[in-house]
Amino acid sequence: MITWIASYPKSGNTWMKLFLKSYFNSSNSDFSINPKPDDNLKIETFPVATKFRDLNIKYNDFAEIAKNWISMQSLINLNNKSNYLKTHNAMCSINNYQFTNNENTIGAIYIVRDPRDVAISYSKFLGKDIDETIEYILSDSCFEQDLFENELYKKSVMGSWAYHYNSWKNYKANEIIIVKYEDMLKKTNETFFKVLNYLNKIINIEVNEKKMMNAINLTSFKNLKKLEKNGGFNENPSSNPFFRKGKIGEWKKTLNSKQIQKIEKKFIKEMKELKYL
């Protein structure tokens, strides 16, 4: 069964993924941000590009990807294990095809971040200017794009930052936990302890404080940045560093008043709900 690690881009689900990888692979002698043959837990992104080929999916037609969401998940779940999948997809339906179902999903960890900081981090990642990126995260027709077999394609449907957050928040078929990126930074031990207890509740994992602290240390932003610099990061298609700054409140110095107003006006309900306003 699948436990999702979901978020809007540049909101912390890669950090959450690497924390869990470190926690469950704690017996390994050295930690790597890239997959290793001896990893006890392998966390893939979803959709997984190689599955397109396995299922003969026309990946350059997003309607075909959505049509096969469940098939891809069923294929992954054939291993009869607890599977963790990282995704930027909204919890939605396309042409009556649901993103997931109860036969494949047991729960989800959803990470949310202040959209003003998301705009800055995402603009650096995409190599686009701030204004263009703000329009992007405000758009209800926003997609995550990826490169597969030398072709750019629409990989995940995201919608606006608010649509994405609400789609997961309102998902009632399974119990989920919502984690704020800001709490991961400011209340690190408490936040990751809550995540582990949530996983223990839904899939009965071991909650070990010593292993948790080790995983927190190994996946500190400083260490992740160092590991990327020394060995690269397979998940980063950009020429820019994936682990850039990871700060809170960068928007106060970077965004102008017009840009701030635009984001806050569009997302006022959700930002108040999350205490960003």
Protein backbone atom coordinates (compact mmCIF):
# COMPACT_ATOMS: atom_id res chain seq x y z
CA MET A 1 0.00 0.00 0.00
CA ILE A 2 1.12 3.54 -0.76
CA THR A 3 1.83 6.35 1.67
CA TRP A 4 2.14 9.58 -0.30
CA ILE A 5 4.73 12.27 0.42
CA ALA A 6 2.99 15.13 -1.34
CA SER A 7 3.45 18.87 -1.74
CA TYR A 8 3.49 21.73 -4.15
CA PRO A 9 7.01 22.06 -5.65
CA LYS A 10 9.75 23.55 -3.45
CA SER A 11 7.76 23.00 -0.27
CA GLY A 12 9.73 20.31 1.53
CA ASN A 13 8.62 16.89 0.34
CA THR A 14 12.14 16.06 -0.89
CA TRP A 15 13.43 16.81 2.61
CA MET A 16 10.66 14.61 4.08
CA LYS A 17 11.50 11.86 1.63
CA LEU A 18 15.21 11.93 2.52
CA PHE A 19 14.44 12.02 6.24
CA LEU A 20 12.35 8.85 5.90
CA LYS A 21 14.99 7.23 3.70
CA SER A 22 17.62 7.95 6.37
CA TYR A 23 15.35 6.77 9.19
CA PHE A 24 14.53 3.43 7.57
CA ASN A 25 18.06 2.89 6.23
CA SER A 26 19.79 3.77 9.50
CA SER A 27 21.81 0.55 9.51
CA ASN A 28 23.69 1.66 6.39
CA SER A 29 27.20 2.96 6.99
CA ASP A 30 26.87 6.07 4.87
CA PHE A 31 23.91 8.18 3.82
CA SER A 32 23.40 9.24 0.22
CA ILE A 33 20.76 11.54 -1.26
CA ASN A 34 20.85 9.35 -4.37
CA PRO A 35 19.54 5.75 -4.50
CA LYS A 36 21.93 3.00 -3.39
CA PRO A 37 21.67 -0.76 -4.07
CA ASP A 38 21.63 -1.55 -0.34
CA ASP A 39 18.84 0.91 0.56
CA ASN A 40 16.22 -0.86 2.68
CA LEU A 41 13.66 1.72 1.58
CA LYS A 42 13.52 3.15 -1.93
CA ILE A 43 11.22 6.14 -2.34
CA GLU A 44 10.37 6.91 -5.96
CA THR A 45 8.60 9.87 -7.48
CA PHE A 46 5.18 9.42 -9.04
CA PRO A 47 4.38 9.09 -11.84
CA VAL A 48 7.50 7.00 -12.46
CA ALA A 49 8.78 7.57 -15.98
CA THR A 50 9.88 3.98 -16.57
CA LYS A 51 6.35 2.74 -15.82
CA PHE A 52 5.12 4.61 -18.91
CA ARG A 53 7.19 2.25 -21.02
CA ASP A 54 6.16 -0.82 -19.01
CA LEU A 55 2.46 -0.01 -19.52
CA ASN A 56 2.81 1.35 -23.08
CA ILE A 57 1.43 4.71 -21.98
CA LYS A 58 1.55 7.64 -24.37
CA TYR A 59 3.17 9.90 -21.81
CA ASN A 60 3.08 12.95 -24.10
CA ASP A 61 -0.72 12.90 -23.72
CA PHE A 62 -1.56 13.80 -20.12
CA ALA A 63 -5.06 12.31 -20.46
CA GLU A 64 -3.36 8.95 -20.97
CA ILE A 65 -1.24 9.41 -17.84
CA ALA A 66 -4.34 10.23 -15.77
CA LYS A 67 -6.17 7.24 -17.28
CA ASN A 68 -3.37 5.00 -16.00
CA TRP A 69 -2.76 6.50 -12.54
CA ILE A 70 -4.40 3.51 -10.83
CA SER A 71 -2.72 0.95 -13.11
CA MET A 72 0.71 2.40 -12.33
CA GLN A 73 0.00 2.31 -8.60
CA SER A 74 -1.33 -1.24 -8.77
CA LEU A 75 1.86 -2.28 -10.55
CA ILE A 76 3.99 -0.71 -7.82
CA ASN A 77 1.90 -2.38 -5.09
CA LEU A 78 2.47 -5.85 -6.52
CA ASN A 79 5.50 -6.07 -4.20
CA ASN A 80 3.10 -6.35 -1.22
CA LYS A 81 5.19 -3.87 0.77
CA SER A 82 4.68 -0.47 2.35
CA ASN A 83 5.49 1.87 -0.53
CA TYR A 84 6.31 5.54 -0.10
CA LEU A 85 5.85 7.69 -3.20
CA LYS A 86 6.77 11.35 -3.58
CA THR A 87 4.41 13.39 -5.75
CA HIS A 88 3.51 16.93 -6.77
CA ASN A 89 0.17 15.83 -8.20
CA ALA A 90 -3.02 17.30 -6.81
CA MET A 91 -5.48 14.88 -5.21
CA CYS A 92 -7.97 15.17 -8.04
CA SER A 93 -9.85 13.43 -10.84
CA ILE A 94 -9.33 13.94 -14.57
CA ASN A 95 -12.07 12.77 -16.92
CA ASN A 96 -13.50 10.76 -13.99
CA TYR A 97 -10.16 9.04 -13.43
CA GLN A 98 -9.18 9.37 -9.76
CA PHE A 99 -5.58 10.03 -8.80
CA THR A 100 -5.71 7.11 -6.36
CA ASN A 101 -8.12 4.77 -4.56
CA ASN A 102 -8.45 2.84 -1.30
CA GLU A 103 -7.05 -0.32 -2.86
CA ASN A 104 -3.72 1.41 -3.46
CA THR A 105 -3.43 4.15 -0.82
CA ILE A 106 -3.27 3.91 2.96
CA GLY A 107 -2.32 7.50 3.85
CA ALA A 108 -0.39 10.66 3.01
CA ILE A 109 2.04 13.17 4.46
CA TYR A 110 1.24 16.55 2.93
CA ILE A 111 3.78 19.35 3.30
CA VAL A 112 2.69 22.96 2.80
CA ARG A 113 4.84 26.11 2.64
CA ASP A 114 4.15 29.85 2.59
CA PRO A 115 3.36 30.58 -1.10
CA ARG A 116 5.39 33.79 -0.98
CA ASP A 117 8.51 31.75 -0.25
CA VAL A 118 7.43 29.04 -2.71
CA ALA A 119 7.35 31.65 -5.48
CA ILE A 120 10.97 32.64 -4.85
CA SER A 121 12.36 29.12 -4.53
CA TYR A 122 10.38 27.82 -7.51
CA SER A 123 11.48 30.71 -9.71
CA LYS A 124 15.14 29.85 -9.02
CA PHE A 125 14.47 26.17 -9.74
CA LEU A 126 12.62 26.87 -13.00
CA GLY A 127 15.01 29.58 -14.11
CA LYS A 128 12.08 31.97 -14.55
CA ASP A 129 11.61 35.47 -13.18
CA ILE A 130 9.50 36.06 -10.08
CA ASP A 131 6.51 37.61 -11.87
CA GLU A 132 6.26 34.71 -14.31
CA THR A 133 6.50 32.19 -11.47
CA ILE A 134 3.82 33.99 -9.46
CA GLU A 135 1.46 33.79 -12.45
CA TYR A 136 2.33 30.10 -12.64
CA ILE A 137 1.40 29.27 -9.04
CA LEU A 138 -1.76 31.39 -9.31
CA SER A 139 -2.94 29.45 -12.36
CA ASP A 140 -5.58 26.73 -12.03
CA SER A 141 -4.08 25.01 -15.10
CA CYS A 142 -0.57 24.62 -13.69
CA PHE A 143 1.30 21.40 -14.56
CA GLU A 144 4.61 19.93 -13.46
CA GLN A 145 6.74 19.19 -16.51
CA ASP A 146 9.54 16.66 -16.87
CA LEU A 147 11.90 15.28 -19.49
CA PHE A 148 11.64 11.65 -20.59
CA GLU A 149 13.31 10.08 -23.63
CA ASN A 150 14.45 13.58 -24.67
CA GLU A 151 10.88 14.87 -24.74
CA LEU A 152 9.31 17.45 -22.42
CA TYR A 153 5.88 16.34 -21.19
CA LYS A 154 3.25 17.21 -18.61
CA LYS A 155 3.93 14.86 -15.71
CA SER A 156 1.60 16.02 -12.93
CA VAL A 157 -1.42 18.28 -12.68
CA MET A 158 -1.02 20.72 -9.81
CA GLY A 159 -3.35 23.67 -10.29
CA SER A 160 -2.74 26.74 -8.16
CA TRP A 161 -1.00 26.61 -4.78
CA ALA A 162 -4.39 26.92 -3.02
CA TYR A 163 -6.10 24.33 -5.21
CA HIS A 164 -3.29 21.87 -4.51
CA TYR A 165 -3.41 22.41 -0.74
CA ASN A 166 -7.22 22.12 -0.62
CA SER A 167 -7.26 19.01 -2.79
CA TRP A 168 -5.15 17.12 -0.24
CA LYS A 169 -6.66 18.75 2.84
CA ASN A 170 -10.15 17.70 1.73
CA TYR A 171 -9.14 14.12 0.89
CA LYS A 172 -11.26 12.09 3.31
CA ALA A 173 -10.89 8.54 2.00
CA ASN A 174 -7.80 7.98 4.17
CA GLU A 175 -6.33 9.70 7.20
CA ILE A 176 -3.57 12.14 6.24
CA ILE A 177 -1.23 14.43 8.18
CA ILE A 178 -0.55 18.02 7.11
CA VAL A 179 2.91 19.35 7.98
CA LYS A 180 4.07 22.94 7.58
CA TYR A 181 7.53 23.43 6.12
CA GLU A 182 8.08 26.19 8.64
CA ASP A 183 7.52 23.72 11.49
CA MET A 184 10.02 21.33 9.93
CA LEU A 185 12.58 24.12 10.33
CA LYS A 186 11.49 25.69 13.64
CA LYS A 187 10.09 22.65 15.48
CA THR A 188 12.18 19.96 13.81
CA ASN A 189 12.19 17.25 16.49
CA GLU A 190 8.54 17.71 17.40
CA THR A 191 7.40 17.73 13.77
CA PHE A 192 9.29 14.63 12.64
CA PHE A 193 8.20 12.82 15.81
CA LYS A 194 4.57 13.54 14.85
CA VAL A 195 5.21 12.18 11.36
CA LEU A 196 6.69 8.95 12.72
CA ASN A 197 3.79 8.51 15.13
CA TYR A 198 1.36 9.05 12.26
CA LEU A 199 3.13 6.33 10.25
CA ASN A 200 3.06 4.05 13.27
CA LYS A 201 -0.68 4.57 13.48
CA ILE A 202 -1.42 3.71 9.85
CA ILE A 203 1.22 1.07 9.07
CA ASN A 204 2.70 0.09 12.46
CA ILE A 205 6.32 1.21 12.13
CA GLU A 206 8.91 1.38 14.92
CA VAL A 207 9.26 4.85 16.48
CA ASN A 208 12.84 5.13 17.68
CA GLU A 209 14.00 8.51 19.00
CA LYS A 210 17.70 7.74 18.53
CA LYS A 211 17.15 6.79 14.88
CA MET A 212 15.00 9.88 14.43
CA MET A 213 17.71 12.22 15.74
CA ASN A 214 20.30 10.56 13.53
CA ALA A 215 18.05 11.00 10.49
CA ILE A 216 17.42 14.65 11.39
CA ASN A 217 21.16 15.30 11.61
CA LEU A 218 21.92 13.53 8.34
CA THR A 219 19.20 15.43 6.49
CA SER A 220 19.89 18.88 7.87
CA PHE A 221 19.75 21.47 5.10
CA LYS A 222 23.45 22.17 5.52
CA ASN A 223 24.32 18.50 5.03
CA LEU A 224 21.95 18.01 2.08
CA LYS A 225 23.48 21.03 0.37
CA LYS A 226 26.96 19.60 0.99
CA LEU A 227 25.99 16.16 -0.35
CA GLU A 228 24.51 17.68 -3.51
CA LYS A 229 27.62 19.79 -4.08
CA ASN A 230 29.93 16.78 -3.66
CA GLY A 231 27.97 14.12 -5.50
CA GLY A 232 25.09 15.74 -7.37
CA PHE A 233 21.41 14.98 -6.96
CA ASN A 234 19.74 12.66 -9.47
CA GLU A 235 16.32 14.24 -8.99
CA ASN A 236 17.49 17.71 -9.98
CA PRO A 237 17.02 18.34 -13.72
CA SER A 238 18.04 21.97 -13.31
CA SER A 239 21.54 23.43 -13.60
CA ASN A 240 20.75 25.39 -10.42
CA PRO A 241 21.31 23.77 -7.00
CA PHE A 242 18.24 21.93 -5.70
CA PHE A 243 19.07 22.69 -2.07
CA ARG A 244 19.45 26.45 -2.36
CA LYS A 245 18.71 28.28 0.92
CA GLY A 246 15.69 26.64 2.56
CA LYS A 247 14.95 29.74 4.58
CA ILE A 248 11.71 31.10 6.04
CA GLY A 249 10.53 34.61 5.22
CA GLU A 250 12.86 35.29 2.30
CA TRP A 251 9.89 36.91 0.58
CA LYS A 252 10.13 39.92 2.93
CA LYS A 253 13.41 40.99 1.33
CA THR A 254 12.87 39.68 -2.20
CA LEU A 255 9.28 40.39 -3.25
CA ASN A 256 7.96 43.88 -3.95
CA SER A 257 4.64 45.13 -2.54
CA LYS A 258 2.76 44.45 -5.78
CA GLN A 259 3.94 40.85 -5.89
CA ILE A 260 3.11 40.28 -2.23
CA GLN A 261 -0.39 41.76 -2.67
CA LYS A 262 -1.05 39.57 -5.70
CA ILE A 263 -0.26 36.36 -3.82
CA GLU A 264 -2.03 37.35 -0.61
CA LYS A 265 -5.18 38.52 -2.39
CA LYS A 266 -5.49 35.26 -4.35
CA PHE A 267 -4.72 32.96 -1.42
CA ILE A 268 -6.07 34.98 1.52
CA LYS A 269 -8.42 32.26 2.80
CA GLU A 270 -5.80 29.50 2.86
CA MET A 271 -3.01 31.74 4.13
CA LYS A 272 -5.14 32.88 7.07
CA GLU A 273 -6.13 29.29 7.78
CA LEU A 274 -2.45 28.29 7.89
CA LYS A 275 -1.54 31.42 9.88
CA TYR A 276 0.67 32.85 7.16
CA LEU A 277 -1.46 35.99 7.45
